[in-house]
Amino acid sequence: MRPPRGTVLLISLLVVYLVVLNGREVFREKSLPAVSVENRHKISVLLECDFPERGIHQFSDGTSLLAAINMTLSSGGSLRLSDYVSDGPLLDGERLSLVVNGVEIVDVLRGWMPASQRMAIGIKLQPDRMTREDWEALPGIGPRLAEKIEENRQENGGFGSLEDLKRVRGIGSKSIERWRCFF
């Protein structure tokens, strides 16, 4: 007696599926690689105004302000760095603008990228570093709620954590959960 039509085909497909499934197990990595790959943390900084190459640049974590300026100046331009410019570490999401007097950099203005830019490139936001415009960039926050947040911070001090935003009337647990990925 012959098996019904399609039974042989079904069994063949099942065998092929099992071979492929088991074959994948053979090639799956079961231990750490013999060579470790260093995952250096990068920070993103917005260079504005008189920098030779304006825009968002990535630097290695731990790069100092003066080192970053020297790296960008070496790529072109005739500016030189004054001895009066103070140094310090670069921070993720910073915005830097040069103050130039003739051909000499006399100061560097430091600030923060707008929240919309930081969110777009995956830089975590800090509740106490945000402006009213930054709050409005978050989903579900309009001009009125952003104003309430700023007023609350002025009256009661910094938020410290995202959870502390609950003290603002109109912000609840659902809103906090929706924004958590940005902080």
C-alpha atoms as a PDB file:
ATOM      1  CA  MET A   1       0.000   0.000   0.000  1.00  0.00           C
ATOM      2  CA  ARG A   2       1.298   3.443  -0.957  1.00  0.00           C
ATOM      3  CA  PRO A   3       1.291   6.398   1.415  1.00  0.00           C
ATOM      4  CA  PRO A   4      -1.197   9.168   0.557  1.00  0.00           C
ATOM      5  CA  ARG A   5      -0.049  11.889  -1.837  1.00  0.00           C
ATOM      6  CA  GLY A   6       1.982  14.587  -0.181  1.00  0.00           C
ATOM      7  CA  THR A   7       3.029  12.487   2.812  1.00  0.00           C
ATOM      8  CA  VAL A   8       6.475  11.871   1.325  1.00  0.00           C
ATOM      9  CA  LEU A   9       6.800  15.574   0.528  1.00  0.00           C
ATOM     10  CA  LEU A  10       5.713  16.554   4.033  1.00  0.00           C
ATOM     11  CA  ILE A  11       8.186  14.158   5.666  1.00  0.00           C
ATOM     12  CA  SER A  12      10.961  15.413   3.358  1.00  0.00           C
ATOM     13  CA  LEU A  13      10.254  19.027   4.287  1.00  0.00           C
ATOM     14  CA  LEU A  14      10.244  18.115   7.970  1.00  0.00           C
ATOM     15  CA  VAL A  15      13.638  16.379   7.632  1.00  0.00           C
ATOM     16  CA  VAL A  16      15.108  19.396   5.777  1.00  0.00           C
ATOM     17  CA  TYR A  17      13.744  21.731   8.458  1.00  0.00           C
ATOM     18  CA  LEU A  18      15.306  19.670  11.262  1.00  0.00           C
ATOM     19  CA  VAL A  19      18.672  19.516   9.463  1.00  0.00           C
ATOM     20  CA  VAL A  20      18.692  23.284   8.983  1.00  0.00           C
ATOM     21  CA  LEU A  21      17.629  23.903  12.583  1.00  0.00           C
ATOM     22  CA  ASN A  22      20.323  21.597  13.974  1.00  0.00           C
ATOM     23  CA  GLY A  23      22.891  22.981  11.537  1.00  0.00           C
ATOM     24  CA  ARG A  24      22.349  26.455  12.943  1.00  0.00           C
ATOM     25  CA  GLU A  25      23.138  25.143  16.437  1.00  0.00           C
ATOM     26  CA  VAL A  26      26.541  23.949  15.237  1.00  0.00           C
ATOM     27  CA  PHE A  27      27.525  27.450  14.120  1.00  0.00           C
ATOM     28  CA  ARG A  28      26.109  29.295  17.083  1.00  0.00           C
ATOM     29  CA  GLU A  29      28.777  30.862  19.273  1.00  0.00           C
ATOM     30  CA  LYS A  30      28.819  29.186  22.658  1.00  0.00           C
ATOM     31  CA  SER A  31      31.638  31.144  24.342  1.00  0.00           C
ATOM     32  CA  LEU A  32      33.280  34.545  24.262  1.00  0.00           C
ATOM     33  CA  PRO A  33      35.529  35.289  21.308  1.00  0.00           C
ATOM     34  CA  ALA A  34      39.262  34.762  21.779  1.00  0.00           C
ATOM     35  CA  VAL A  35      39.956  38.422  20.937  1.00  0.00           C
ATOM     36  CA  SER A  36      38.097  41.078  22.848  1.00  0.00           C
ATOM     37  CA  VAL A  37      36.798  44.057  20.930  1.00  0.00           C
ATOM     38  CA  GLU A  38      37.037  47.275  22.896  1.00  0.00           C
ATOM     39  CA  ASN A  39      33.806  49.220  22.907  1.00  0.00           C
ATOM     40  CA  ARG A  40      34.915  52.780  23.571  1.00  0.00           C
ATOM     41  CA  HIS A  41      32.207  55.168  24.603  1.00  0.00           C
ATOM     42  CA  LYS A  42      31.749  58.098  22.242  1.00  0.00           C
ATOM     43  CA  ILE A  43      30.270  61.444  23.120  1.00  0.00           C
ATOM     44  CA  SER A  44      28.550  63.754  20.660  1.00  0.00           C
ATOM     45  CA  VAL A  45      29.253  67.491  20.713  1.00  0.00           C
ATOM     46  CA  LEU A  46      27.767  70.254  18.551  1.00  0.00           C
ATOM     47  CA  LEU A  47      30.436  72.668  17.248  1.00  0.00           C
ATOM     48  CA  GLU A  48      29.072  76.069  16.177  1.00  0.00           C
ATOM     49  CA  CYS A  49      30.107  79.541  15.050  1.00  0.00           C
ATOM     50  CA  ASP A  50      33.819  79.912  14.276  1.00  0.00           C
ATOM     51  CA  PHE A  51      34.777  76.234  14.386  1.00  0.00           C
ATOM     52  CA  PRO A  52      36.325  75.272  11.035  1.00  0.00           C
ATOM     53  CA  GLU A  53      34.039  72.236  10.736  1.00  0.00           C
ATOM     54  CA  ARG A  54      30.649  73.027  12.273  1.00  0.00           C
ATOM     55  CA  GLY A  55      28.127  70.341  13.126  1.00  0.00           C
ATOM     56  CA  ILE A  56      27.821  67.372  15.441  1.00  0.00           C
ATOM     57  CA  HIS A  57      31.112  65.570  16.033  1.00  0.00           C
ATOM     58  CA  GLN A  58      31.943  62.461  18.037  1.00  0.00           C
ATOM     59  CA  PHE A  59      34.880  62.332  20.414  1.00  0.00           C
ATOM     60  CA  SER A  60      36.169  59.604  22.701  1.00  0.00           C
ATOM     61  CA  ASP A  61      34.890  59.803  26.245  1.00  0.00           C
ATOM     62  CA  GLY A  62      37.468  61.641  28.326  1.00  0.00           C
ATOM     63  CA  THR A  63      38.523  64.043  25.577  1.00  0.00           C
ATOM     64  CA  SER A  64      39.179  67.498  26.975  1.00  0.00           C
ATOM     65  CA  LEU A  65      37.861  70.764  25.572  1.00  0.00           C
ATOM     66  CA  LEU A  66      41.319  71.969  24.513  1.00  0.00           C
ATOM     67  CA  ALA A  67      42.130  68.644  22.836  1.00  0.00           C
ATOM     68  CA  ALA A  68      38.874  68.813  20.854  1.00  0.00           C
ATOM     69  CA  ILE A  69      39.588  72.390  19.788  1.00  0.00           C
ATOM     70  CA  ASN A  70      43.124  71.477  18.727  1.00  0.00           C
ATOM     71  CA  MET A  71      41.804  68.479  16.739  1.00  0.00           C
ATOM     72  CA  THR A  72      39.306  70.629  14.872  1.00  0.00           C
ATOM     73  CA  LEU A  73      41.778  73.480  14.305  1.00  0.00           C
ATOM     74  CA  SER A  74      44.343  71.125  12.796  1.00  0.00           C
ATOM     75  CA  SER A  75      41.867  70.291  10.022  1.00  0.00           C
ATOM     76  CA  GLY A  76      42.069  73.810   8.638  1.00  0.00           C
ATOM     77  CA  GLY A  77      41.801  77.459   9.499  1.00  0.00           C
ATOM     78  CA  SER A  78      44.183  80.074  10.792  1.00  0.00           C
ATOM     79  CA  LEU A  79      42.860  80.403  14.333  1.00  0.00           C
ATOM     80  CA  ARG A  80      45.146  79.949  17.312  1.00  0.00           C
ATOM     81  CA  LEU A  81      44.217  79.150  20.867  1.00  0.00           C
ATOM     82  CA  SER A  82      44.756  81.739  23.607  1.00  0.00           C
ATOM     83  CA  ASP A  83      46.478  80.693  26.827  1.00  0.00           C
ATOM     84  CA  TYR A  84      43.469  82.026  28.756  1.00  0.00           C
ATOM     85  CA  VAL A  85      40.942  79.437  27.551  1.00  0.00           C
ATOM     86  CA  SER A  86      40.190  77.086  30.430  1.00  0.00           C
ATOM     87  CA  ASP A  87      40.118  73.331  29.905  1.00  0.00           C
ATOM     88  CA  GLY A  88      37.709  70.664  31.097  1.00  0.00           C
ATOM     89  CA  PRO A  89      36.172  67.392  29.941  1.00  0.00           C
ATOM     90  CA  LEU A  90      33.641  67.361  27.103  1.00  0.00           C
ATOM     91  CA  LEU A  91      30.151  66.220  28.032  1.00  0.00           C
ATOM     92  CA  ASP A  92      27.739  64.259  25.881  1.00  0.00           C
ATOM     93  CA  GLY A  93      25.232  66.650  24.270  1.00  0.00           C
ATOM     94  CA  GLU A  94      27.286  69.802  24.762  1.00  0.00           C
ATOM     95  CA  ARG A  95      27.197  72.757  22.363  1.00  0.00           C
ATOM     96  CA  LEU A  96      30.421  74.719  21.904  1.00  0.00           C
ATOM     97  CA  SER A  97      30.875  78.152  20.322  1.00  0.00           C
ATOM     98  CA  LEU A  98      34.205  79.919  19.919  1.00  0.00           C
ATOM     99  CA  VAL A  99      34.708  83.565  20.878  1.00  0.00           C
ATOM    100  CA  VAL A 100      37.315  84.906  18.460  1.00  0.00           C
ATOM    101  CA  ASN A 101      39.238  88.174  18.589  1.00  0.00           C
ATOM    102  CA  GLY A 102      40.987  88.545  15.243  1.00  0.00           C
ATOM    103  CA  VAL A 103      42.752  85.209  14.752  1.00  0.00           C
ATOM    104  CA  GLU A 104      42.882  84.230  18.422  1.00  0.00           C
ATOM    105  CA  ILE A 105      40.307  82.125  20.296  1.00  0.00           C
ATOM    106  CA  VAL A 106      39.785  84.009  23.558  1.00  0.00           C
ATOM    107  CA  ASP A 107      36.935  81.984  25.046  1.00  0.00           C
ATOM    108  CA  VAL A 108      34.582  79.069  24.462  1.00  0.00           C
ATOM    109  CA  LEU A 109      30.882  79.330  25.225  1.00  0.00           C
ATOM    110  CA  ARG A 110      29.468  76.056  26.510  1.00  0.00           C
ATOM    111  CA  GLY A 111      25.818  75.084  26.484  1.00  0.00           C
ATOM    112  CA  TRP A 112      23.544  72.178  25.594  1.00  0.00           C
ATOM    113  CA  MET A 113      22.195  70.972  22.282  1.00  0.00           C
ATOM    114  CA  PRO A 114      18.443  71.400  21.955  1.00  0.00           C
ATOM    115  CA  ALA A 115      16.518  68.404  23.335  1.00  0.00           C
ATOM    116  CA  SER A 116      15.157  67.600  19.874  1.00  0.00           C
ATOM    117  CA  GLN A 117      18.726  67.052  18.600  1.00  0.00           C
ATOM    118  CA  ARG A 118      19.760  65.061  21.664  1.00  0.00           C
ATOM    119  CA  MET A 119      16.692  62.826  21.337  1.00  0.00           C
ATOM    120  CA  ALA A 120      17.328  62.300  17.610  1.00  0.00           C
ATOM    121  CA  ILE A 121      20.873  61.027  18.175  1.00  0.00           C
ATOM    122  CA  GLY A 122      20.131  59.078  21.356  1.00  0.00           C
ATOM    123  CA  ILE A 123      21.675  61.303  24.030  1.00  0.00           C
ATOM    124  CA  LYS A 124      19.873  60.941  27.345  1.00  0.00           C
ATOM    125  CA  LEU A 125      18.136  64.075  28.617  1.00  0.00           C
ATOM    126  CA  GLN A 126      18.611  65.544  32.094  1.00  0.00           C
ATOM    127  CA  PRO A 127      15.440  67.094  33.606  1.00  0.00           C
ATOM    128  CA  ASP A 128      17.339  69.912  35.296  1.00  0.00           C
ATOM    129  CA  ARG A 129      19.189  70.954  32.120  1.00  0.00           C
ATOM    130  CA  MET A 130      16.078  71.446  30.006  1.00  0.00           C
ATOM    131  CA  THR A 131      14.527  74.699  28.834  1.00  0.00           C
ATOM    132  CA  ARG A 132      10.880  75.347  28.085  1.00  0.00           C
ATOM    133  CA  GLU A 133      11.564  74.662  24.396  1.00  0.00           C
ATOM    134  CA  ASP A 134      13.268  71.387  25.335  1.00  0.00           C
ATOM    135  CA  TRP A 135      10.194  70.258  27.278  1.00  0.00           C
ATOM    136  CA  GLU A 136       7.983  71.048  24.295  1.00  0.00           C
ATOM    137  CA  ALA A 137      10.063  68.647  22.167  1.00  0.00           C
ATOM    138  CA  LEU A 138       8.803  65.704  24.241  1.00  0.00           C
ATOM    139  CA  PRO A 139       5.638  63.952  23.022  1.00  0.00           C
ATOM    140  CA  GLY A 140       2.510  65.188  24.767  1.00  0.00           C
ATOM    141  CA  ILE A 141       3.989  68.420  26.145  1.00  0.00           C
ATOM    142  CA  GLY A 142       2.655  71.666  24.773  1.00  0.00           C
ATOM    143  CA  PRO A 143       3.530  75.260  25.632  1.00  0.00           C
ATOM    144  CA  ARG A 144       1.246  75.392  28.706  1.00  0.00           C
ATOM    145  CA  LEU A 145       2.569  72.204  30.337  1.00  0.00           C
ATOM    146  CA  ALA A 146       6.166  73.213  29.553  1.00  0.00           C
ATOM    147  CA  GLU A 147       5.500  76.519  31.298  1.00  0.00           C
ATOM    148  CA  LYS A 148       4.057  74.677  34.340  1.00  0.00           C
ATOM    149  CA  ILE A 149       7.187  72.487  34.499  1.00  0.00           C
ATOM    150  CA  GLU A 150       9.475  75.527  34.430  1.00  0.00           C
ATOM    151  CA  GLU A 151       7.404  77.349  37.062  1.00  0.00           C
ATOM    152  CA  ASN A 152       7.489  74.283  39.318  1.00  0.00           C
ATOM    153  CA  ARG A 153      11.254  74.009  38.998  1.00  0.00           C
ATOM    154  CA  GLN A 154      11.646  77.727  39.871  1.00  0.00           C
ATOM    155  CA  GLU A 155       9.383  77.432  42.913  1.00  0.00           C
ATOM    156  CA  ASN A 156      10.443  74.005  44.256  1.00  0.00           C
ATOM    157  CA  GLY A 157      13.982  73.482  42.986  1.00  0.00           C
ATOM    158  CA  GLY A 158      15.433  70.921  40.579  1.00  0.00           C
ATOM    159  CA  PHE A 159      13.778  67.643  39.715  1.00  0.00           C
ATOM    160  CA  GLY A 160      16.774  65.357  40.196  1.00  0.00           C
ATOM    161  CA  SER A 161      15.012  62.422  38.587  1.00  0.00           C
ATOM    162  CA  LEU A 162      12.305  61.799  36.053  1.00  0.00           C
ATOM    163  CA  GLU A 163       9.963  60.543  38.795  1.00  0.00           C
ATOM    164  CA  ASP A 164      10.074  63.968  40.465  1.00  0.00           C
ATOM    165  CA  LEU A 165       8.132  65.395  37.502  1.00  0.00           C
ATOM    166  CA  LYS A 166       5.001  63.861  39.024  1.00  0.00           C
ATOM    167  CA  ARG A 167       4.852  66.846  41.362  1.00  0.00           C
ATOM    168  CA  VAL A 168       3.806  68.977  38.365  1.00  0.00           C
ATOM    169  CA  ARG A 169       0.045  69.078  37.965  1.00  0.00           C
ATOM    170  CA  GLY A 170      -0.907  67.301  34.716  1.00  0.00           C
ATOM    171  CA  ILE A 171       1.971  64.787  34.732  1.00  0.00           C
ATOM    172  CA  GLY A 172       1.274  61.255  35.888  1.00  0.00           C
ATOM    173  CA  SER A 173       2.815  57.792  35.762  1.00  0.00           C
ATOM    174  CA  LYS A 174       1.724  57.147  32.167  1.00  0.00           C
ATOM    175  CA  SER A 175       3.481  60.281  30.938  1.00  0.00           C
ATOM    176  CA  ILE A 176       6.627  59.387  32.866  1.00  0.00           C
ATOM    177  CA  GLU A 177       6.691  55.901  31.302  1.00  0.00           C
ATOM    178  CA  ARG A 178       6.203  57.376  27.814  1.00  0.00           C
ATOM    179  CA  TRP A 179       9.213  59.698  28.311  1.00  0.00           C
ATOM    180  CA  ARG A 180      11.479  57.227  30.134  1.00  0.00           C
ATOM    181  CA  CYS A 181      13.295  56.225  26.935  1.00  0.00           C
ATOM    182  CA  PHE A 182      14.522  59.814  26.526  1.00  0.00           C
ATOM    183  CA  PHE A 183      16.001  60.132  30.050  1.00  0.00           C
END
